[in-house]
Amino acid sequence: MTKRIRRILLVCNNYDNFSLEEDGRLDMRIAREYSDLNLSNPPVFERVSSTSEALERVRAGELWDLVIAMYNAGGADVFSFARQVKESAPGTPMVLLTSFS
């Protein structure tokens, strides 16, 4: 693999976090996938409850290999949040998750 994902920042409000936990812990599911594929060192998840908190950490120089944001993450609009993250950390991939299709 040319790109390894070691740290993931999950930006979601408490309700979405609860929903993700009820569906099955996201970090445990990914660890299971890594195990099934005979891969070691699954990524570490860090969660913040708002886009403003995430932006503070990005602007402080913290780096993640992937940022996952829920649509109703709390704080600033998720699309302006994505633009601001891309300005501060241009190489960081971002994913938007929604609870609706």
PDB file of N, CA and C in Angstrom:
ATOM      1  N   MET A   1       0.839  -1.175   0.000  1.00  0.00           N
ATOM      2  CA  MET A   1       0.000   0.000   0.000  1.00  0.00           C
ATOM      3  C   MET A   1       0.889   1.245   0.000  1.00  0.00           C
ATOM      4  N   THR A   2       0.591   2.146  -0.893  1.00  0.00           N
ATOM      5  CA  THR A   2       1.386   3.363  -0.961  1.00  0.00           C
ATOM      6  C   THR A   2       0.953   4.379   0.086  1.00  0.00           C
ATOM      7  N   LYS A   3      -0.302   4.399   0.447  1.00  0.00           N
ATOM      8  CA  LYS A   3      -0.818   5.330   1.453  1.00  0.00           C
ATOM      9  C   LYS A   3      -1.358   4.538   2.629  1.00  0.00           C
ATOM     10  N   ARG A   4      -0.758   4.724   3.777  1.00  0.00           N
ATOM     11  CA  ARG A   4      -1.259   4.056   4.981  1.00  0.00           C
ATOM     12  C   ARG A   4      -2.057   5.043   5.807  1.00  0.00           C
ATOM     13  N   ILE A   5      -3.168   4.588   6.295  1.00  0.00           N
ATOM     14  CA  ILE A   5      -4.004   5.424   7.143  1.00  0.00           C
ATOM     15  C   ILE A   5      -3.789   4.978   8.578  1.00  0.00           C
ATOM     16  N   ARG A   6      -3.187   5.868   9.365  1.00  0.00           N
ATOM     17  CA  ARG A   6      -2.869   5.548  10.748  1.00  0.00           C
ATOM     18  C   ARG A   6      -3.735   6.331  11.727  1.00  0.00           C
ATOM     19  N   ARG A   7      -4.088   7.563  11.356  1.00  0.00           N
ATOM     20  CA  ARG A   7      -4.895   8.422  12.241  1.00  0.00           C
ATOM     21  C   ARG A   7      -6.091   8.946  11.465  1.00  0.00           C
ATOM     22  N   ILE A   8      -7.276   8.792  12.052  1.00  0.00           N
ATOM     23  CA  ILE A   8      -8.516   9.274  11.443  1.00  0.00           C
ATOM     24  C   ILE A   8      -9.188  10.216  12.426  1.00  0.00           C
ATOM     25  N   LEU A   9      -9.588  11.383  11.920  1.00  0.00           N
ATOM     26  CA  LEU A   9     -10.350  12.319  12.726  1.00  0.00           C
ATOM     27  C   LEU A   9     -11.808  12.199  12.333  1.00  0.00           C
ATOM     28  N   LEU A  10     -12.653  11.878  13.286  1.00  0.00           N
ATOM     29  CA  LEU A  10     -14.091  11.761  13.071  1.00  0.00           C
ATOM     30  C   LEU A  10     -14.761  12.984  13.673  1.00  0.00           C
ATOM     31  N   VAL A  11     -15.441  13.762  12.812  1.00  0.00           N
ATOM     32  CA  VAL A  11     -16.108  14.987  13.247  1.00  0.00           C
ATOM     33  C   VAL A  11     -17.606  14.721  13.208  1.00  0.00           C
ATOM     34  N   CYS A  12     -18.207  14.575  14.399  1.00  0.00           N
ATOM     35  CA  CYS A  12     -19.644  14.303  14.451  1.00  0.00           C
ATOM     36  C   CYS A  12     -20.201  14.754  15.788  1.00  0.00           C
ATOM     37  N   ASN A  13     -21.480  15.102  15.785  1.00  0.00           N
ATOM     38  CA  ASN A  13     -22.120  15.508  17.030  1.00  0.00           C
ATOM     39  C   ASN A  13     -22.383  14.269  17.897  1.00  0.00           C
ATOM     40  N   ASN A  14     -22.825  14.481  19.113  1.00  0.00           N
ATOM     41  CA  ASN A  14     -23.022  13.368  20.041  1.00  0.00           C
ATOM     42  C   ASN A  14     -24.086  12.389  19.561  1.00  0.00           C
ATOM     43  N   TYR A  15     -25.137  12.896  18.923  1.00  0.00           N
ATOM     44  CA  TYR A  15     -26.195  12.010  18.427  1.00  0.00           C
ATOM     45  C   TYR A  15     -25.659  11.079  17.339  1.00  0.00           C
ATOM     46  N   ASP A  16     -24.922  11.636  16.377  1.00  0.00           N
ATOM     47  CA  ASP A  16     -24.350  10.801  15.312  1.00  0.00           C
ATOM     48  C   ASP A  16     -23.340   9.811  15.878  1.00  0.00           C
ATOM     49  N   ASN A  17     -22.583  10.241  16.870  1.00  0.00           N
ATOM     50  CA  ASN A  17     -21.639   9.326  17.504  1.00  0.00           C
ATOM     51  C   ASN A  17     -22.376   8.167  18.152  1.00  0.00           C
ATOM     52  N   PHE A  18     -23.482   8.466  18.831  1.00  0.00           N
ATOM     53  CA  PHE A  18     -24.292   7.418  19.446  1.00  0.00           C
ATOM     54  C   PHE A  18     -24.833   6.466  18.374  1.00  0.00           C
ATOM     55  N   SER A  19     -25.313   7.017  17.260  1.00  0.00           N
ATOM     56  CA  SER A  19     -25.839   6.190  16.169  1.00  0.00           C
ATOM     57  C   SER A  19     -24.765   5.271  15.600  1.00  0.00           C
ATOM     58  N   LEU A  20     -23.554   5.805  15.417  1.00  0.00           N
ATOM     59  CA  LEU A  20     -22.454   4.980  14.906  1.00  0.00           C
ATOM     60  C   LEU A  20     -22.105   3.875  15.893  1.00  0.00           C
ATOM     61  N   GLU A  21     -22.151   4.189  17.178  1.00  0.00           N
ATOM     62  CA  GLU A  21     -21.868   3.183  18.198  1.00  0.00           C
ATOM     63  C   GLU A  21     -22.940   2.092  18.207  1.00  0.00           C
ATOM     64  N   GLU A  22     -24.209   2.490  18.034  1.00  0.00           N
ATOM     65  CA  GLU A  22     -25.310   1.525  18.034  1.00  0.00           C
ATOM     66  C   GLU A  22     -25.230   0.587  16.834  1.00  0.00           C
ATOM     67  N   ASP A  23     -24.774   1.095  15.695  1.00  0.00           N
ATOM     68  CA  ASP A  23     -24.644   0.267  14.493  1.00  0.00           C
ATOM     69  C   ASP A  23     -23.477  -0.697  14.598  1.00  0.00           C
ATOM     70  N   GLY A  24     -22.651  -0.507  15.543  1.00  0.00           N
ATOM     71  CA  GLY A  24     -21.449  -1.328  15.687  1.00  0.00           C
ATOM     72  C   GLY A  24     -20.268  -0.401  15.652  1.00  0.00           C
ATOM     73  N   ARG A  25     -19.449  -0.476  16.640  1.00  0.00           N
ATOM     74  CA  ARG A  25     -18.333   0.467  16.755  1.00  0.00           C
ATOM     75  C   ARG A  25     -17.532   0.523  15.468  1.00  0.00           C
ATOM     76  N   LEU A  26     -17.419   1.719  14.938  1.00  0.00           N
ATOM     77  CA  LEU A  26     -16.736   1.933  13.667  1.00  0.00           C
ATOM     78  C   LEU A  26     -15.287   1.474  13.737  1.00  0.00           C
ATOM     79  N   ASP A  27     -14.601   1.816  14.818  1.00  0.00           N
ATOM     80  CA  ASP A  27     -13.207   1.424  14.942  1.00  0.00           C
ATOM     81  C   ASP A  27     -13.042  -0.094  15.049  1.00  0.00           C
ATOM     82  N   MET A  28     -13.987  -0.758  15.712  1.00  0.00           N
ATOM     83  CA  MET A  28     -13.925  -2.218  15.822  1.00  0.00           C
ATOM     84  C   MET A  28     -14.205  -2.885  14.478  1.00  0.00           C
ATOM     85  N   ARG A  29     -15.123  -2.331  13.713  1.00  0.00           N
ATOM     86  CA  ARG A  29     -15.427  -2.890  12.396  1.00  0.00           C
ATOM     87  C   ARG A  29     -14.230  -2.769  11.455  1.00  0.00           C
ATOM     88  N   ILE A  30     -13.564  -1.625  11.507  1.00  0.00           N
ATOM     89  CA  ILE A  30     -12.384  -1.445  10.658  1.00  0.00           C
ATOM     90  C   ILE A  30     -11.254  -2.356  11.117  1.00  0.00           C
ATOM     91  N   ALA A  31     -11.073  -2.497  12.420  1.00  0.00           N
ATOM     92  CA  ALA A  31     -10.048  -3.417  12.936  1.00  0.00           C
ATOM     93  C   ALA A  31     -10.326  -4.844  12.482  1.00  0.00           C
ATOM     94  N   ARG A  32     -11.606  -5.232  12.478  1.00  0.00           N
ATOM     95  CA  ARG A  32     -11.979  -6.566  12.010  1.00  0.00           C
ATOM     96  C   ARG A  32     -11.664  -6.731  10.524  1.00  0.00           C
ATOM     97  N   GLU A  33     -11.944  -5.689   9.731  1.00  0.00           N
ATOM     98  CA  GLU A  33     -11.617  -5.724   8.301  1.00  0.00           C
ATOM     99  C   GLU A  33     -10.108  -5.869   8.095  1.00  0.00           C
ATOM    100  N   TYR A  34      -9.329  -5.120   8.864  1.00  0.00           N
ATOM    101  CA  TYR A  34      -7.879  -5.239   8.763  1.00  0.00           C
ATOM    102  C   TYR A  34      -7.446  -6.668   9.073  1.00  0.00           C
ATOM    103  N   SER A  35      -8.024  -7.240  10.124  1.00  0.00           N
ATOM    104  CA  SER A  35      -7.686  -8.605  10.503  1.00  0.00           C
ATOM    105  C   SER A  35      -8.066  -9.598   9.408  1.00  0.00           C
ATOM    106  N   ASP A  36      -9.261  -9.427   8.822  1.00  0.00           N
ATOM    107  CA  ASP A  36      -9.699 -10.322   7.754  1.00  0.00           C
ATOM    108  C   ASP A  36      -8.797 -10.243   6.528  1.00  0.00           C
ATOM    109  N   LEU A  37      -8.203  -9.091   6.292  1.00  0.00           N
ATOM    110  CA  LEU A  37      -7.310  -8.904   5.143  1.00  0.00           C
ATOM    111  C   LEU A  37      -5.846  -9.174   5.491  1.00  0.00           C
ATOM    112  N   ASN A  38      -5.615  -9.702   6.689  1.00  0.00           N
ATOM    113  CA  ASN A  38      -4.261  -9.990   7.180  1.00  0.00           C
ATOM    114  C   ASN A  38      -3.385  -8.744   7.198  1.00  0.00           C
ATOM    115  N   LEU A  39      -3.972  -7.618   7.545  1.00  0.00           N
ATOM    116  CA  LEU A  39      -3.224  -6.375   7.689  1.00  0.00           C
ATOM    117  C   LEU A  39      -3.060  -6.086   9.172  1.00  0.00           C
ATOM    118  N   SER A  40      -1.956  -5.466   9.507  1.00  0.00           N
ATOM    119  CA  SER A  40      -1.727  -5.127  10.911  1.00  0.00           C
ATOM    120  C   SER A  40      -1.874  -3.622  11.101  1.00  0.00           C
ATOM    121  N   ASN A  41      -1.885  -3.212  12.337  1.00  0.00           N
ATOM    122  CA  ASN A  41      -1.949  -1.799  12.718  1.00  0.00           C
ATOM    123  C   ASN A  41      -3.148  -1.053  12.145  1.00  0.00           C
ATOM    124  N   PRO A  42      -4.341  -1.369  12.604  1.00  0.00           N
ATOM    125  CA  PRO A  42      -5.509  -0.601  12.150  1.00  0.00           C
ATOM    126  C   PRO A  42      -5.400   0.850  12.616  1.00  0.00           C
ATOM    127  N   PRO A  43      -6.076   1.762  11.945  1.00  0.00           N
ATOM    128  CA  PRO A  43      -5.952   3.179  12.291  1.00  0.00           C
ATOM    129  C   PRO A  43      -6.576   3.506  13.644  1.00  0.00           C
ATOM    130  N   VAL A  44      -6.113   4.582  14.212  1.00  0.00           N
ATOM    131  CA  VAL A  44      -6.623   5.086  15.473  1.00  0.00           C
ATOM    132  C   VAL A  44      -7.632   6.187  15.161  1.00  0.00           C
ATOM    133  N   PHE A  45      -8.803   6.122  15.798  1.00  0.00           N
ATOM    134  CA  PHE A  45      -9.845   7.129  15.616  1.00  0.00           C
ATOM    135  C   PHE A  45      -9.761   8.154  16.726  1.00  0.00           C
ATOM    136  N   GLU A  46      -9.874   9.416  16.344  1.00  0.00           N
ATOM    137  CA  GLU A  46     -10.020  10.499  17.308  1.00  0.00           C
ATOM    138  C   GLU A  46     -11.300  11.224  16.931  1.00  0.00           C
ATOM    139  N   ARG A  47     -12.106  11.581  17.929  1.00  0.00           N
ATOM    140  CA  ARG A  47     -13.397  12.214  17.644  1.00  0.00           C
ATOM    141  C   ARG A  47     -13.465  13.581  18.270  1.00  0.00           C
ATOM    142  N   VAL A  48     -14.024  14.504  17.511  1.00  0.00           N
ATOM    143  CA  VAL A  48     -14.367  15.823  18.033  1.00  0.00           C
ATOM    144  C   VAL A  48     -15.846  16.039  17.744  1.00  0.00           C
ATOM    145  N   SER A  49     -16.484  16.897  18.547  1.00  0.00           N
ATOM    146  CA  SER A  49     -17.932  17.027  18.432  1.00  0.00           C
ATOM    147  C   SER A  49     -18.386  18.222  17.602  1.00  0.00           C
ATOM    148  N   SER A  50     -17.453  18.992  17.043  1.00  0.00           N
ATOM    149  CA  SER A  50     -17.867  20.120  16.208  1.00  0.00           C
ATOM    150  C   SER A  50     -16.786  20.452  15.189  1.00  0.00           C
ATOM    151  N   THR A  51     -17.203  21.128  14.138  1.00  0.00           N
ATOM    152  CA  THR A  51     -16.249  21.535  13.111  1.00  0.00           C
ATOM    153  C   THR A  51     -15.286  22.582  13.647  1.00  0.00           C
ATOM    154  N   SER A  52     -15.751  23.433  14.537  1.00  0.00           N
ATOM    155  CA  SER A  52     -14.857  24.458  15.094  1.00  0.00           C
ATOM    156  C   SER A  52     -13.744  23.826  15.935  1.00  0.00           C
ATOM    157  N   GLU A  53     -14.080  22.802  16.692  1.00  0.00           N
ATOM    158  CA  GLU A  53     -13.065  22.089  17.473  1.00  0.00           C
ATOM    159  C   GLU A  53     -12.058  21.404  16.555  1.00  0.00           C
ATOM    160  N   ALA A  54     -12.552  20.829  15.467  1.00  0.00           N
ATOM    161  CA  ALA A  54     -11.661  20.179  14.507  1.00  0.00           C
ATOM    162  C   ALA A  54     -10.736  21.202  13.847  1.00  0.00           C
ATOM    163  N   LEU A  55     -11.283  22.366  13.479  1.00  0.00           N
ATOM    164  CA  LEU A  55     -10.462  23.406  12.852  1.00  0.00           C
ATOM    165  C   LEU A  55      -9.378  23.916  13.792  1.00  0.00           C
ATOM    166  N   GLU A  56      -9.693  24.040  15.064  1.00  0.00           N
ATOM    167  CA  GLU A  56      -8.686  24.449  16.044  1.00  0.00           C
ATOM    168  C   GLU A  56      -7.518  23.471  16.042  1.00  0.00           C
ATOM    169  N   ARG A  57      -7.826  22.197  16.019  1.00  0.00           N
ATOM    170  CA  ARG A  57      -6.776  21.174  16.056  1.00  0.00           C
ATOM    171  C   ARG A  57      -5.979  21.141  14.749  1.00  0.00           C
ATOM    172  N   VAL A  58      -6.659  21.347  13.626  1.00  0.00           N
ATOM    173  CA  VAL A  58      -5.959  21.374  12.338  1.00  0.00           C
ATOM    174  C   VAL A  58      -5.030  22.584  12.284  1.00  0.00           C
ATOM    175  N   ARG A  59      -5.537  23.719  12.692  1.00  0.00           N
ATOM    176  CA  ARG A  59      -4.726  24.942  12.662  1.00  0.00           C
ATOM    177  C   ARG A  59      -3.583  24.910  13.673  1.00  0.00           C
ATOM    178  N   ALA A  60      -3.716  24.084  14.712  1.00  0.00           N
ATOM    179  CA  ALA A  60      -2.635  23.923  15.687  1.00  0.00           C
ATOM    180  C   ALA A  60      -1.515  23.036  15.134  1.00  0.00           C
ATOM    181  N   GLY A  61      -1.734  22.471  13.955  1.00  0.00           N
ATOM    182  CA  GLY A  61      -0.682  21.678  13.319  1.00  0.00           C
ATOM    183  C   GLY A  61      -0.853  20.181  13.429  1.00  0.00           C
ATOM    184  N   GLU A  62      -1.934  19.719  14.030  1.00  0.00           N
ATOM    185  CA  GLU A  62      -2.151  18.270  14.108  1.00  0.00           C
ATOM    186  C   GLU A  62      -2.477  17.743  12.710  1.00  0.00           C
ATOM    187  N   LEU A  63      -1.969  16.576  12.403  1.00  0.00           N
ATOM    188  CA  LEU A  63      -2.181  15.987  11.087  1.00  0.00           C
ATOM    189  C   LEU A  63      -2.893  14.646  11.215  1.00  0.00           C
ATOM    190  N   TRP A  64      -3.798  14.400  10.275  1.00  0.00           N
ATOM    191  CA  TRP A  64      -4.495  13.126  10.193  1.00  0.00           C
ATOM    192  C   TRP A  64      -4.363  12.610   8.779  1.00  0.00           C
ATOM    193  N   ASP A  65      -4.459  11.306   8.645  1.00  0.00           N
ATOM    194  CA  ASP A  65      -4.383  10.692   7.321  1.00  0.00           C
ATOM    195  C   ASP A  65      -5.732  10.740   6.621  1.00  0.00           C
ATOM    196  N   LEU A  66      -6.805  10.933   7.396  1.00  0.00           N
ATOM    197  CA  LEU A  66      -8.154  10.988   6.846  1.00  0.00           C
ATOM    198  C   LEU A  66      -9.042  11.744   7.821  1.00  0.00           C
ATOM    199  N   VAL A  67      -9.908  12.606   7.285  1.00  0.00           N
ATOM    200  CA  VAL A  67     -10.902  13.303   8.100  1.00  0.00           C
ATOM    201  C   VAL A  67     -12.268  12.860   7.612  1.00  0.00           C
ATOM    202  N   ILE A  68     -13.075  12.333   8.536  1.00  0.00           N
ATOM    203  CA  ILE A  68     -14.449  11.924   8.223  1.00  0.00           C
ATOM    204  C   ILE A  68     -15.374  12.874   8.966  1.00  0.00           C
ATOM    205  N   ALA A  69     -16.263  13.531   8.218  1.00  0.00           N
ATOM    206  CA  ALA A  69     -17.199  14.475   8.838  1.00  0.00           C
ATOM    207  C   ALA A  69     -18.622  14.043   8.538  1.00  0.00           C
ATOM    208  N   MET A  70     -19.452  14.078   9.547  1.00  0.00           N
ATOM    209  CA  MET A  70     -20.877  13.844   9.353  1.00  0.00           C
ATOM    210  C   MET A  70     -21.494  15.136   8.845  1.00  0.00           C
ATOM    211  N   TYR A  71     -22.601  15.027   8.130  1.00  0.00           N
ATOM    212  CA  TYR A  71     -23.236  16.197   7.521  1.00  0.00           C
ATOM    213  C   TYR A  71     -23.644  17.230   8.560  1.00  0.00           C
ATOM    214  N   ASN A  72     -24.236  16.792   9.660  1.00  0.00           N
ATOM    215  CA  ASN A  72     -24.649  17.697  10.744  1.00  0.00           C
ATOM    216  C   ASN A  72     -23.637  17.633  11.876  1.00  0.00           C
ATOM    217  N   ALA A  73     -22.403  17.996  11.578  1.00  0.00           N
ATOM    218  CA  ALA A  73     -21.329  17.839  12.556  1.00  0.00           C
ATOM    219  C   ALA A  73     -21.400  18.843  13.688  1.00  0.00           C
ATOM    220  N   GLY A  74     -22.098  19.915  13.506  1.00  0.00           N
ATOM    221  CA  GLY A  74     -22.148  20.949  14.541  1.00  0.00           C
ATOM    222  C   GLY A  74     -21.117  22.018  14.252  1.00  0.00           C
ATOM    223  N   GLY A  75     -21.459  23.246  14.525  1.00  0.00           N
ATOM    224  CA  GLY A  75     -20.547  24.353  14.231  1.00  0.00           C
ATOM    225  C   GLY A  75     -20.771  24.847  12.816  1.00  0.00           C
ATOM    226  N   ALA A  76     -19.688  25.178  12.146  1.00  0.00           N
ATOM    227  CA  ALA A  76     -19.764  25.726  10.782  1.00  0.00           C
ATOM    228  C   ALA A  76     -20.324  24.697   9.796  1.00  0.00           C
ATOM    229  N   ASP A  77     -20.830  25.203   8.691  1.00  0.00           N
ATOM    230  CA  ASP A  77     -21.308  24.354   7.608  1.00  0.00           C
ATOM    231  C   ASP A  77     -20.203  23.382   7.198  1.00  0.00           C
ATOM    232  N   VAL A  78     -20.547  22.133   6.975  1.00  0.00           N
ATOM    233  CA  VAL A  78     -19.542  21.103   6.705  1.00  0.00           C
ATOM    234  C   VAL A  78     -18.772  21.378   5.406  1.00  0.00           C
ATOM    235  N   PHE A  79     -19.395  22.049   4.440  1.00  0.00           N
ATOM    236  CA  PHE A  79     -18.696  22.331   3.189  1.00  0.00           C
ATOM    237  C   PHE A  79     -17.665  23.448   3.367  1.00  0.00           C
ATOM    238  N   SER A  80     -17.995  24.477   4.124  1.00  0.00           N
ATOM    239  CA  SER A  80     -16.994  25.509   4.406  1.00  0.00           C
ATOM    240  C   SER A  80     -15.908  24.950   5.319  1.00  0.00           C
ATOM    241  N   PHE A  81     -16.281  24.050   6.200  1.00  0.00           N
ATOM    242  CA  PHE A  81     -15.298  23.357   7.037  1.00  0.00           C
ATOM    243  C   PHE A  81     -14.299  22.594   6.170  1.00  0.00           C
ATOM    244  N   ALA A  82     -14.796  21.887   5.169  1.00  0.00           N
ATOM    245  CA  ALA A  82     -13.914  21.126   4.280  1.00  0.00           C
ATOM    246  C   ALA A  82     -12.957  22.058   3.537  1.00  0.00           C
ATOM    247  N   ARG A  83     -13.456  23.191   3.062  1.00  0.00           N
ATOM    248  CA  ARG A  83     -12.591  24.155   2.376  1.00  0.00           C
ATOM    249  C   ARG A  83     -11.496  24.663   3.312  1.00  0.00           C
ATOM    250  N   GLN A  84     -11.850  24.951   4.545  1.00  0.00           N
ATOM    251  CA  GLN A  84     -10.875  25.462   5.502  1.00  0.00           C
ATOM    252  C   GLN A  84      -9.832  24.421   5.860  1.00  0.00           C
ATOM    253  N   VAL A  85     -10.239  23.159   5.962  1.00  0.00           N
ATOM    254  CA  VAL A  85      -9.280  22.087   6.236  1.00  0.00           C
ATOM    255  C   VAL A  85      -8.334  21.942   5.060  1.00  0.00           C
ATOM    256  N   LYS A  86      -8.868  21.995   3.839  1.00  0.00           N
ATOM    257  CA  LYS A  86      -8.031  21.873   2.645  1.00  0.00           C
ATOM    258  C   LYS A  86      -7.034  23.021   2.531  1.00  0.00           C
ATOM    259  N   GLU A  87      -7.416  24.215   3.003  1.00  0.00           N
ATOM    260  CA  GLU A  87      -6.485  25.346   2.992  1.00  0.00           C
ATOM    261  C   GLU A  87      -5.375  25.142   4.011  1.00  0.00           C
ATOM    262  N   SER A  88      -5.714  24.605   5.178  1.00  0.00           N
ATOM    263  CA  SER A  88      -4.729  24.419   6.248  1.00  0.00           C
ATOM    264  C   SER A  88      -3.886  23.169   6.057  1.00  0.00           C
ATOM    265  N   ALA A  89      -4.487  22.116   5.533  1.00  0.00           N
ATOM    266  CA  ALA A  89      -3.780  20.840   5.333  1.00  0.00           C
ATOM    267  C   ALA A  89      -4.174  20.289   3.967  1.00  0.00           C
ATOM    268  N   PRO A  90      -3.555  20.813   2.889  1.00  0.00           N
ATOM    269  CA  PRO A  90      -4.009  20.500   1.530  1.00  0.00           C
ATOM    270  C   PRO A  90      -3.963  19.020   1.150  1.00  0.00           C
ATOM    271  N   GLY A  91      -3.093  18.244   1.724  1.00  0.00           N
ATOM    272  CA  GLY A  91      -2.979  16.843   1.325  1.00  0.00           C
ATOM    273  C   GLY A  91      -3.884  15.891   2.084  1.00  0.00           C
ATOM    274  N   THR A  92      -4.703  16.411   2.983  1.00  0.00           N
ATOM    275  CA  THR A  92      -5.534  15.565   3.821  1.00  0.00           C
ATOM    276  C   THR A  92      -6.835  15.201   3.115  1.00  0.00           C
ATOM    277  N   PRO A  93      -7.080  13.907   2.884  1.00  0.00           N
ATOM    278  CA  PRO A  93      -8.356  13.507   2.273  1.00  0.00           C
ATOM    279  C   PRO A  93      -9.515  13.686   3.243  1.00  0.00           C
ATOM    280  N   MET A  94     -10.653  14.081   2.697  1.00  0.00           N
ATOM    281  CA  MET A  94     -11.847  14.281   3.503  1.00  0.00           C
ATOM    282  C   MET A  94     -12.987  13.444   2.936  1.00  0.00           C
ATOM    283  N   VAL A  95     -13.820  12.922   3.850  1.00  0.00           N
ATOM    284  CA  VAL A  95     -14.984  12.133   3.483  1.00  0.00           C
ATOM    285  C   VAL A  95     -16.183  12.710   4.209  1.00  0.00           C
ATOM    286  N   LEU A  96     -17.294  12.810   3.508  1.00  0.00           N
ATOM    287  CA  LEU A  96     -18.543  13.278   4.109  1.00  0.00           C
ATOM    288  C   LEU A  96     -19.480  12.092   4.251  1.00  0.00           C
ATOM    289  N   LEU A  97     -19.971  11.866   5.472  1.00  0.00           N
ATOM    290  CA  LEU A  97     -20.943  10.809   5.716  1.00  0.00           C
ATOM    291  C   LEU A  97     -22.290  11.449   6.009  1.00  0.00           C
ATOM    292  N   THR A  98     -23.330  10.852   5.466  1.00  0.00           N
ATOM    293  CA  THR A  98     -24.687  11.325   5.765  1.00  0.00           C
ATOM    294  C   THR A  98     -25.506  10.149   6.254  1.00  0.00           C
ATOM    295  N   SER A  99     -26.538  10.463   6.999  1.00  0.00           N
ATOM    296  CA  SER A  99     -27.418   9.403   7.476  1.00  0.00           C
ATOM    297  C   SER A  99     -28.617   9.226   6.560  1.00  0.00           C
ATOM    298  N   PHE A 100     -28.611   9.906   5.426  1.00  0.00           N
ATOM    299  CA  PHE A 100     -29.688   9.780   4.452  1.00  0.00           C
ATOM    300  C   PHE A 100     -29.077   9.650   3.067  1.00  0.00           C
ATOM    301  N   SER A 101     -29.845   9.102   2.147  1.00  0.00           N
ATOM    302  CA  SER A 101     -29.307   8.884   0.791  1.00  0.00           C
ATOM    303  C   SER A 101     -29.523  10.084  -0.101  1.00  0.00           C
TER     304      SER A 101
END
